[in-house]
PDB file of N, CA and C in Angstrom:
ATOM      1  N   MET A   1      95.055 123.805  93.344  1.00  0.00           N
ATOM      2  CA  MET A   1      95.293 122.565  93.209  1.00  0.00           C
ATOM      3  C   MET A   1      94.833 121.899  91.833  1.00  0.00           C
ATOM      4  N   ASN A   2      95.560 121.068  91.195  1.00  0.00           N
ATOM      5  CA  ASN A   2      95.373 120.492  90.045  1.00  0.00           C
ATOM      6  C   ASN A   2      94.449 119.311  90.100  1.00  0.00           C
ATOM      7  N   LYS A   3      93.576 119.212  89.010  1.00  0.00           N
ATOM      8  CA  LYS A   3      92.610 117.822  89.145  1.00  0.00           C
ATOM      9  C   LYS A   3      93.415 116.617  88.648  1.00  0.00           C
ATOM     10  N   ALA A   4      93.365 115.749  89.712  1.00  0.00           N
ATOM     11  CA  ALA A   4      94.116 114.532  89.440  1.00  0.00           C
ATOM     12  C   ALA A   4      93.557 113.622  88.203  1.00  0.00           C
ATOM     13  N   GLU A   5      94.259 113.235  87.363  1.00  0.00           N
ATOM     14  CA  GLU A   5      93.740 112.400  86.242  1.00  0.00           C
ATOM     15  C   GLU A   5      94.751 111.074  86.218  1.00  0.00           C
ATOM     16  N   LEU A   6      94.214 110.082  85.357  1.00  0.00           N
ATOM     17  CA  LEU A   6      95.012 108.963  85.290  1.00  0.00           C
ATOM     18  C   LEU A   6      96.553 109.074  84.976  1.00  0.00           C
ATOM     19  N   PHE A   7      97.460 108.312  85.494  1.00  0.00           N
ATOM     20  CA  PHE A   7      98.838 108.287  85.274  1.00  0.00           C
ATOM     21  C   PHE A   7      99.626 109.535  85.489  1.00  0.00           C
ATOM     22  N   ASP A   8      98.965 110.527  86.388  1.00  0.00           N
ATOM     23  CA  ASP A   8      99.617 111.543  87.145  1.00  0.00           C
ATOM     24  C   ASP A   8     100.450 110.919  88.236  1.00  0.00           C
ATOM     25  N   VAL A   9     101.425 111.770  88.551  1.00  0.00           N
ATOM     26  CA  VAL A   9     102.233 111.395  89.635  1.00  0.00           C
ATOM     27  C   VAL A   9     101.754 112.287  90.946  1.00  0.00           C
ATOM     28  N   ILE A  10     101.518 111.539  91.936  1.00  0.00           N
ATOM     29  CA  ILE A  10     101.092 112.409  93.203  1.00  0.00           C
ATOM     30  C   ILE A  10     102.064 112.198  94.136  1.00  0.00           C
ATOM     31  N   GLU A  11     101.886 113.148  95.161  1.00  0.00           N
ATOM     32  CA  GLU A  11     102.714 113.172  96.388  1.00  0.00           C
ATOM     33  C   GLU A  11     101.838 113.353  97.598  1.00  0.00           C
ATOM     34  N   LEU A  12     102.104 112.201  98.587  1.00  0.00           N
ATOM     35  CA  LEU A  12     101.244 112.193  99.712  1.00  0.00           C
ATOM     36  C   LEU A  12     101.271 113.415 100.583  1.00  0.00           C
ATOM     37  N   LEU A  13     100.165 113.992 101.257  1.00  0.00           N
ATOM     38  CA  LEU A  13     100.193 115.033 102.103  1.00  0.00           C
ATOM     39  C   LEU A  13     100.142 114.691 103.693  1.00  0.00           C
ATOM     40  N   THR A  14     100.151 113.325 103.736  1.00  0.00           N
ATOM     41  CA  THR A  14      99.987 112.616 105.055  1.00  0.00           C
ATOM     42  C   THR A  14     100.667 111.271 105.241  1.00  0.00           C
ATOM     43  N   ASP A  15     101.147 110.997 106.190  1.00  0.00           N
ATOM     44  CA  ASP A  15     101.802 109.685 106.442  1.00  0.00           C
ATOM     45  C   ASP A  15     100.391 108.595 106.187  1.00  0.00           C
ATOM     46  N   ILE A  16     100.650 107.398 105.780  1.00  0.00           N
ATOM     47  CA  ILE A  16      99.867 106.309 105.617  1.00  0.00           C
ATOM     48  C   ILE A  16     100.463 105.057 106.288  1.00  0.00           C
ATOM     49  N   PRO A  17     100.251 105.034 107.556  1.00  0.00           N
ATOM     50  CA  PRO A  17     100.919 104.097 108.315  1.00  0.00           C
ATOM     51  C   PRO A  17     100.784 102.631 108.017  1.00  0.00           C
ATOM     52  N   LYS A  18      99.437 102.239 107.522  1.00  0.00           N
ATOM     53  CA  LYS A  18      99.114 100.726 107.285  1.00  0.00           C
ATOM     54  C   LYS A  18     100.197 100.396 106.051  1.00  0.00           C
ATOM     55  N   PHE A  19     100.689 101.188 105.089  1.00  0.00           N
ATOM     56  CA  PHE A  19     101.377 100.660 104.369  1.00  0.00           C
ATOM     57  C   PHE A  19     102.911 101.266 104.290  1.00  0.00           C
ATOM     58  N   SER A  20     103.386 101.628 105.384  1.00  0.00           N
ATOM     59  CA  SER A  20     104.456 102.253 105.670  1.00  0.00           C
ATOM     60  C   SER A  20     105.003 103.448 104.865  1.00  0.00           C
ATOM     61  N   LEU A  21     104.099 104.247 104.508  1.00  0.00           N
ATOM     62  CA  LEU A  21     104.217 105.479 103.633  1.00  0.00           C
ATOM     63  C   LEU A  21     104.347 106.674 104.468  1.00  0.00           C
ATOM     64  N   ARG A  22     105.205 107.609 104.042  1.00  0.00           N
ATOM     65  CA  ARG A  22     105.507 108.943 104.629  1.00  0.00           C
ATOM     66  C   ARG A  22     104.931 110.148 104.008  1.00  0.00           C
ATOM     67  N   LYS A  23     104.516 111.091 104.482  1.00  0.00           N
ATOM     68  CA  LYS A  23     104.404 112.218 103.786  1.00  0.00           C
ATOM     69  C   LYS A  23     105.343 112.507 102.792  1.00  0.00           C
ATOM     70  N   GLY A  24     105.153 113.081 101.507  1.00  0.00           N
ATOM     71  CA  GLY A  24     106.172 113.371 100.610  1.00  0.00           C
ATOM     72  C   GLY A  24     106.363 112.210  99.690  1.00  0.00           C
ATOM     73  N   GLU A  25     106.082 111.002  99.972  1.00  0.00           N
ATOM     74  CA  GLU A  25     106.361 109.928  99.119  1.00  0.00           C
ATOM     75  C   GLU A  25     105.498 110.153  97.779  1.00  0.00           C
ATOM     76  N   GLN A  26     106.027 109.567  96.867  1.00  0.00           N
ATOM     77  CA  GLN A  26     105.277 109.572  95.390  1.00  0.00           C
ATOM     78  C   GLN A  26     104.852 108.278  94.858  1.00  0.00           C
ATOM     79  N   GLY A  27     103.649 108.359  94.244  1.00  0.00           N
ATOM     80  CA  GLY A  27     102.961 107.305  93.545  1.00  0.00           C
ATOM     81  C   GLY A  27     102.340 107.794  92.234  1.00  0.00           C
ATOM     82  N   ALA A  28     101.835 106.703  91.520  1.00  0.00           N
ATOM     83  CA  ALA A  28     101.143 107.004  90.063  1.00  0.00           C
ATOM     84  C   ALA A  28      99.698 106.542  90.354  1.00  0.00           C
ATOM     85  N   ILE A  29      98.959 107.402  89.745  1.00  0.00           N
ATOM     86  CA  ILE A  29      97.370 107.101  89.813  1.00  0.00           C
ATOM     87  C   ILE A  29      97.093 106.215  88.546  1.00  0.00           C
ATOM     88  N   ILE A  30      96.576 104.987  89.064  1.00  0.00           N
ATOM     89  CA  ILE A  30      96.129 103.892  87.993  1.00  0.00           C
ATOM     90  C   ILE A  30      94.672 103.610  87.631  1.00  0.00           C
ATOM     91  N   ASP A  31      93.988 104.309  88.500  1.00  0.00           N
ATOM     92  CA  ASP A  31      92.598 104.315  88.320  1.00  0.00           C
ATOM     93  C   ASP A  31      91.873 105.344  88.986  1.00  0.00           C
ATOM     94  N   ASP A  32      90.692 105.745  88.338  1.00  0.00           N
ATOM     95  CA  ASP A  32      89.918 106.995  88.895  1.00  0.00           C
ATOM     96  C   ASP A  32      88.467 106.513  88.986  1.00  0.00           C
ATOM     97  N   TYR A  33      88.104 106.411  90.341  1.00  0.00           N
ATOM     98  CA  TYR A  33      86.763 105.983  90.627  1.00  0.00           C
ATOM     99  C   TYR A  33      85.415 106.954  90.487  1.00  0.00           C
ATOM    100  N   GLN A  34      85.970 107.954  90.009  1.00  0.00           N
ATOM    101  CA  GLN A  34      85.091 108.884  89.780  1.00  0.00           C
ATOM    102  C   GLN A  34      84.180 109.521  90.925  1.00  0.00           C
ATOM    103  N   ASN A  35      84.753 109.489  92.161  1.00  0.00           N
ATOM    104  CA  ASN A  35      83.944 110.020  93.475  1.00  0.00           C
ATOM    105  C   ASN A  35      85.064 110.643  94.373  1.00  0.00           C
ATOM    106  N   GLY A  36      86.211 111.119  93.654  1.00  0.00           N
ATOM    107  CA  GLY A  36      87.172 111.858  94.367  1.00  0.00           C
ATOM    108  C   GLY A  36      88.278 110.851  95.054  1.00  0.00           C
ATOM    109  N   VAL A  37      88.036 109.537  94.871  1.00  0.00           N
ATOM    110  CA  VAL A  37      89.076 108.509  95.280  1.00  0.00           C
ATOM    111  C   VAL A  37      89.685 107.804  93.995  1.00  0.00           C
ATOM    112  N   PHE A  38      90.920 107.811  94.259  1.00  0.00           N
ATOM    113  CA  PHE A  38      91.759 107.204  93.198  1.00  0.00           C
ATOM    114  C   PHE A  38      92.531 106.046  93.600  1.00  0.00           C
ATOM    115  N   GLU A  39      92.956 104.951  92.711  1.00  0.00           N
ATOM    116  CA  GLU A  39      93.934 103.847  93.067  1.00  0.00           C
ATOM    117  C   GLU A  39      95.220 104.430  92.767  1.00  0.00           C
ATOM    118  N   VAL A  40      96.163 104.292  93.841  1.00  0.00           N
ATOM    119  CA  VAL A  40      97.476 104.794  93.516  1.00  0.00           C
ATOM    120  C   VAL A  40      98.514 103.520  93.831  1.00  0.00           C
ATOM    121  N   GLU A  41      99.644 103.424  92.892  1.00  0.00           N
ATOM    122  CA  GLU A  41     100.679 102.511  93.056  1.00  0.00           C
ATOM    123  C   GLU A  41     101.907 103.188  93.327  1.00  0.00           C
ATOM    124  N   PHE A  42     102.454 102.663  94.323  1.00  0.00           N
ATOM    125  CA  PHE A  42     103.726 103.040  94.842  1.00  0.00           C
ATOM    126  C   PHE A  42     104.840 102.112  94.598  1.00  0.00           C
ATOM    127  N   THR A  43     105.848 102.362  94.202  1.00  0.00           N
ATOM    128  CA  THR A  43     107.055 101.500  93.903  1.00  0.00           C
ATOM    129  C   THR A  43     108.430 101.655  94.239  1.00  0.00           C
ATOM    130  N   ASN A  44     109.109 100.916  94.523  1.00  0.00           N
ATOM    131  CA  ASN A  44     110.692 101.083  94.998  1.00  0.00           C
ATOM    132  C   ASN A  44     111.657 101.426  93.658  1.00  0.00           C
ATOM    133  N   LYS A  45     112.850 101.614  94.104  1.00  0.00           N
ATOM    134  CA  LYS A  45     113.605 102.176  92.806  1.00  0.00           C
ATOM    135  C   LYS A  45     113.971 100.915  91.815  1.00  0.00           C
ATOM    136  N   LYS A  46     113.506  99.665  92.101  1.00  0.00           N
ATOM    137  CA  LYS A  46     113.600  98.745  91.174  1.00  0.00           C
ATOM    138  C   LYS A  46     112.279  98.614  90.279  1.00  0.00           C
ATOM    139  N   GLY A  47     111.348  99.366  90.620  1.00  0.00           N
ATOM    140  CA  GLY A  47     109.987  99.248  89.901  1.00  0.00           C
ATOM    141  C   GLY A  47     108.974  98.402  90.446  1.00  0.00           C
ATOM    142  N   GLU A  48     109.505  97.714  91.632  1.00  0.00           N
ATOM    143  CA  GLU A  48     108.473  96.622  92.202  1.00  0.00           C
ATOM    144  C   GLU A  48     107.317  97.340  92.927  1.00  0.00           C
ATOM    145  N   THR A  49     106.087  97.028  92.920  1.00  0.00           N
ATOM    146  CA  THR A  49     105.222  97.589  93.681  1.00  0.00           C
ATOM    147  C   THR A  49     105.111  97.501  95.054  1.00  0.00           C
ATOM    148  N   THR A  50     105.458  98.305  95.789  1.00  0.00           N
ATOM    149  CA  THR A  50     105.391  98.273  97.572  1.00  0.00           C
ATOM    150  C   THR A  50     104.010  98.662  98.062  1.00  0.00           C
ATOM    151  N   ALA A  51     103.240  99.303  97.371  1.00  0.00           N
ATOM    152  CA  ALA A  51     101.820  99.486  98.034  1.00  0.00           C
ATOM    153  C   ALA A  51     100.806  99.820  96.711  1.00  0.00           C
ATOM    154  N   LEU A  52      99.664  99.396  96.842  1.00  0.00           N
ATOM    155  CA  LEU A  52      98.641  99.755  95.965  1.00  0.00           C
ATOM    156  C   LEU A  52      97.228  99.786  96.844  1.00  0.00           C
ATOM    157  N   PHE A  53      96.572 100.990  96.779  1.00  0.00           N
ATOM    158  CA  PHE A  53      95.407 101.035  97.402  1.00  0.00           C
ATOM    159  C   PHE A  53      94.728 102.287  97.036  1.00  0.00           C
ATOM    160  N   SER A  54      93.543 102.415  97.408  1.00  0.00           N
ATOM    161  CA  SER A  54      92.532 103.580  97.014  1.00  0.00           C
ATOM    162  C   SER A  54      92.776 104.808  98.181  1.00  0.00           C
ATOM    163  N   ILE A  55      92.905 106.064  97.638  1.00  0.00           N
ATOM    164  CA  ILE A  55      92.967 106.971  98.619  1.00  0.00           C
ATOM    165  C   ILE A  55      92.324 108.132  97.953  1.00  0.00           C
ATOM    166  N   PRO A  56      91.629 109.150  98.820  1.00  0.00           N
ATOM    167  CA  PRO A  56      90.988 110.223  98.547  1.00  0.00           C
ATOM    168  C   PRO A  56      91.656 111.335  98.172  1.00  0.00           C
ATOM    169  N   GLU A  57      91.462 112.401  97.115  1.00  0.00           N
ATOM    170  CA  GLU A  57      92.342 113.281  96.602  1.00  0.00           C
ATOM    171  C   GLU A  57      92.495 114.236  97.667  1.00  0.00           C
ATOM    172  N   ASP A  58      92.025 114.419  98.795  1.00  0.00           N
ATOM    173  CA  ASP A  58      92.375 115.407  99.900  1.00  0.00           C
ATOM    174  C   ASP A  58      93.661 114.978 100.393  1.00  0.00           C
ATOM    175  N   LYS A  59      94.179 113.519 100.142  1.00  0.00           N
ATOM    176  CA  LYS A  59      95.301 113.106 100.995  1.00  0.00           C
ATOM    177  C   LYS A  59      96.581 113.340 100.079  1.00  0.00           C
ATOM    178  N   PHE A  60      96.621 113.734  98.945  1.00  0.00           N
ATOM    179  CA  PHE A  60      97.659 113.954  97.935  1.00  0.00           C
ATOM    180  C   PHE A  60      97.557 115.116  97.124  1.00  0.00           C
ATOM    181  N   THR A  61      98.730 115.576  96.459  1.00  0.00           N
ATOM    182  CA  THR A  61      98.668 116.806  95.625  1.00  0.00           C
ATOM    183  C   THR A  61      99.455 116.132  94.281  1.00  0.00           C
ATOM    184  N   VAL A  62      98.972 116.516  93.223  1.00  0.00           N
ATOM    185  CA  VAL A  62      99.526 116.207  91.931  1.00  0.00           C
ATOM    186  C   VAL A  62     100.740 117.021  91.626  1.00  0.00           C
ATOM    187  N   VAL A  63     101.832 116.144  91.304  1.00  0.00           N
ATOM    188  CA  VAL A  63     103.157 116.880  91.118  1.00  0.00           C
ATOM    189  C   VAL A  63     103.800 116.809  89.720  1.00  0.00           C
ATOM    190  N   TRP A  64     103.117 115.776  88.992  1.00  0.00           N
ATOM    191  CA  TRP A  64     103.358 115.694  87.607  1.00  0.00           C
ATOM    192  C   TRP A  64     102.161 115.347  86.858  1.00  0.00           C
ATOM    193  N   CYS A  65     101.892 116.115  85.692  1.00  0.00           N
ATOM    194  CA  CYS A  65     100.649 115.880  84.840  1.00  0.00           C
ATOM    195  C   CYS A  65     101.141 115.108  83.691  1.00  0.00           C
ATOM    196  N   ALA A  66     100.560 113.761  83.691  1.00  0.00           N
ATOM    197  CA  ALA A  66     100.652 112.887  82.364  1.00  0.00           C
ATOM    198  C   ALA A  66     100.148 113.642  81.132  1.00  0.00           C
ATOM    199  N   LYS A  67      99.208 114.295  81.160  1.00  0.00           N
ATOM    200  CA  LYS A  67      98.437 115.014  79.937  1.00  0.00           C
ATOM    201  C   LYS A  67      99.528 115.855  79.315  1.00  0.00           C
ATOM    202  N   THR A  68     100.165 116.740  79.917  1.00  0.00           N
ATOM    203  CA  THR A  68     101.177 117.878  79.696  1.00  0.00           C
ATOM    204  C   THR A  68     102.644 117.177  79.615  1.00  0.00           C
ATOM    205  N   GLU A  69     102.772 116.182  80.412  1.00  0.00           N
ATOM    206  CA  GLU A  69     104.113 115.647  80.496  1.00  0.00           C
ATOM    207  C   GLU A  69     104.978 116.881  81.305  1.00  0.00           C
ATOM    208  N   GLN A  70     104.555 117.442  82.397  1.00  0.00           N
ATOM    209  CA  GLN A  70     105.210 118.615  82.843  1.00  0.00           C
ATOM    210  C   GLN A  70     105.069 118.370  84.465  1.00  0.00           C
ATOM    211  N   TRP A  71     106.203 118.622  85.244  1.00  0.00           N
ATOM    212  CA  TRP A  71     106.145 118.646  86.503  1.00  0.00           C
ATOM    213  C   TRP A  71     105.669 120.062  86.904  1.00  0.00           C
ATOM    214  N   LEU A  72     104.670 119.955  87.841  1.00  0.00           N
ATOM    215  CA  LEU A  72     103.942 121.068  88.482  1.00  0.00           C
ATOM    216  C   LEU A  72     104.524 121.830  89.701  1.00  0.00           C
ATOM    217  N   THR A  73     104.638 123.051  89.634  1.00  0.00           N
ATOM    218  CA  THR A  73     105.132 123.773  90.874  1.00  0.00           C
ATOM    219  C   THR A  73     103.911 123.929  91.538  1.00  0.00           C
ATOM    220  N   PRO A  74     104.247 123.405  93.150  1.00  0.00           N
ATOM    221  CA  PRO A  74     103.504 123.752  94.066  1.00  0.00           C
ATOM    222  C   PRO A  74     102.864 125.112  94.676  1.00  0.00           C
ATOM    223  N   ILE A  75     101.581 125.533  94.624  1.00  0.00           N
ATOM    224  CA  ILE A  75     101.260 126.617  95.118  1.00  0.00           C
ATOM    225  C   ILE A  75     101.424 126.737  96.518  1.00  0.00           C
ATOM    226  N   ILE A  76     102.218 127.923  97.071  1.00  0.00           N
ATOM    227  CA  ILE A  76     102.470 127.951  98.548  1.00  0.00           C
ATOM    228  C   ILE A  76     101.773 129.133  98.976  1.00  0.00           C
ATOM    229  N   SER A  77     101.007 128.798  99.980  1.00  0.00           N
ATOM    230  CA  SER A  77     100.127 129.876 100.601  1.00  0.00           C
ATOM    231  C   SER A  77     100.707 130.403 101.851  1.00  0.00           C
ATOM    232  N   ASN A  78     100.618 131.669 101.911  1.00  0.00           N
ATOM    233  CA  ASN A  78     101.123 132.300 103.381  1.00  0.00           C
ATOM    234  C   ASN A  78     100.245 132.299 104.390  1.00  0.00           C
TER     235      ASN A  78
END
């Protein structure tokens, strides 16, 4: 798993019913609280914020690295 950093794109590993988000939806990290919890923003196709909340990094995976500007290939375990 890649270390999450500011402006990375993440993908949810679980549903978040409180915000009507489903596993697989993507958002962007906008703040790092340095304790394994990140502020993530989710938007619609118009760019409007649909959800903004703090989430622990065990609930998501990084799919795009802002530092390298590259999409990441997920590690698939058997």
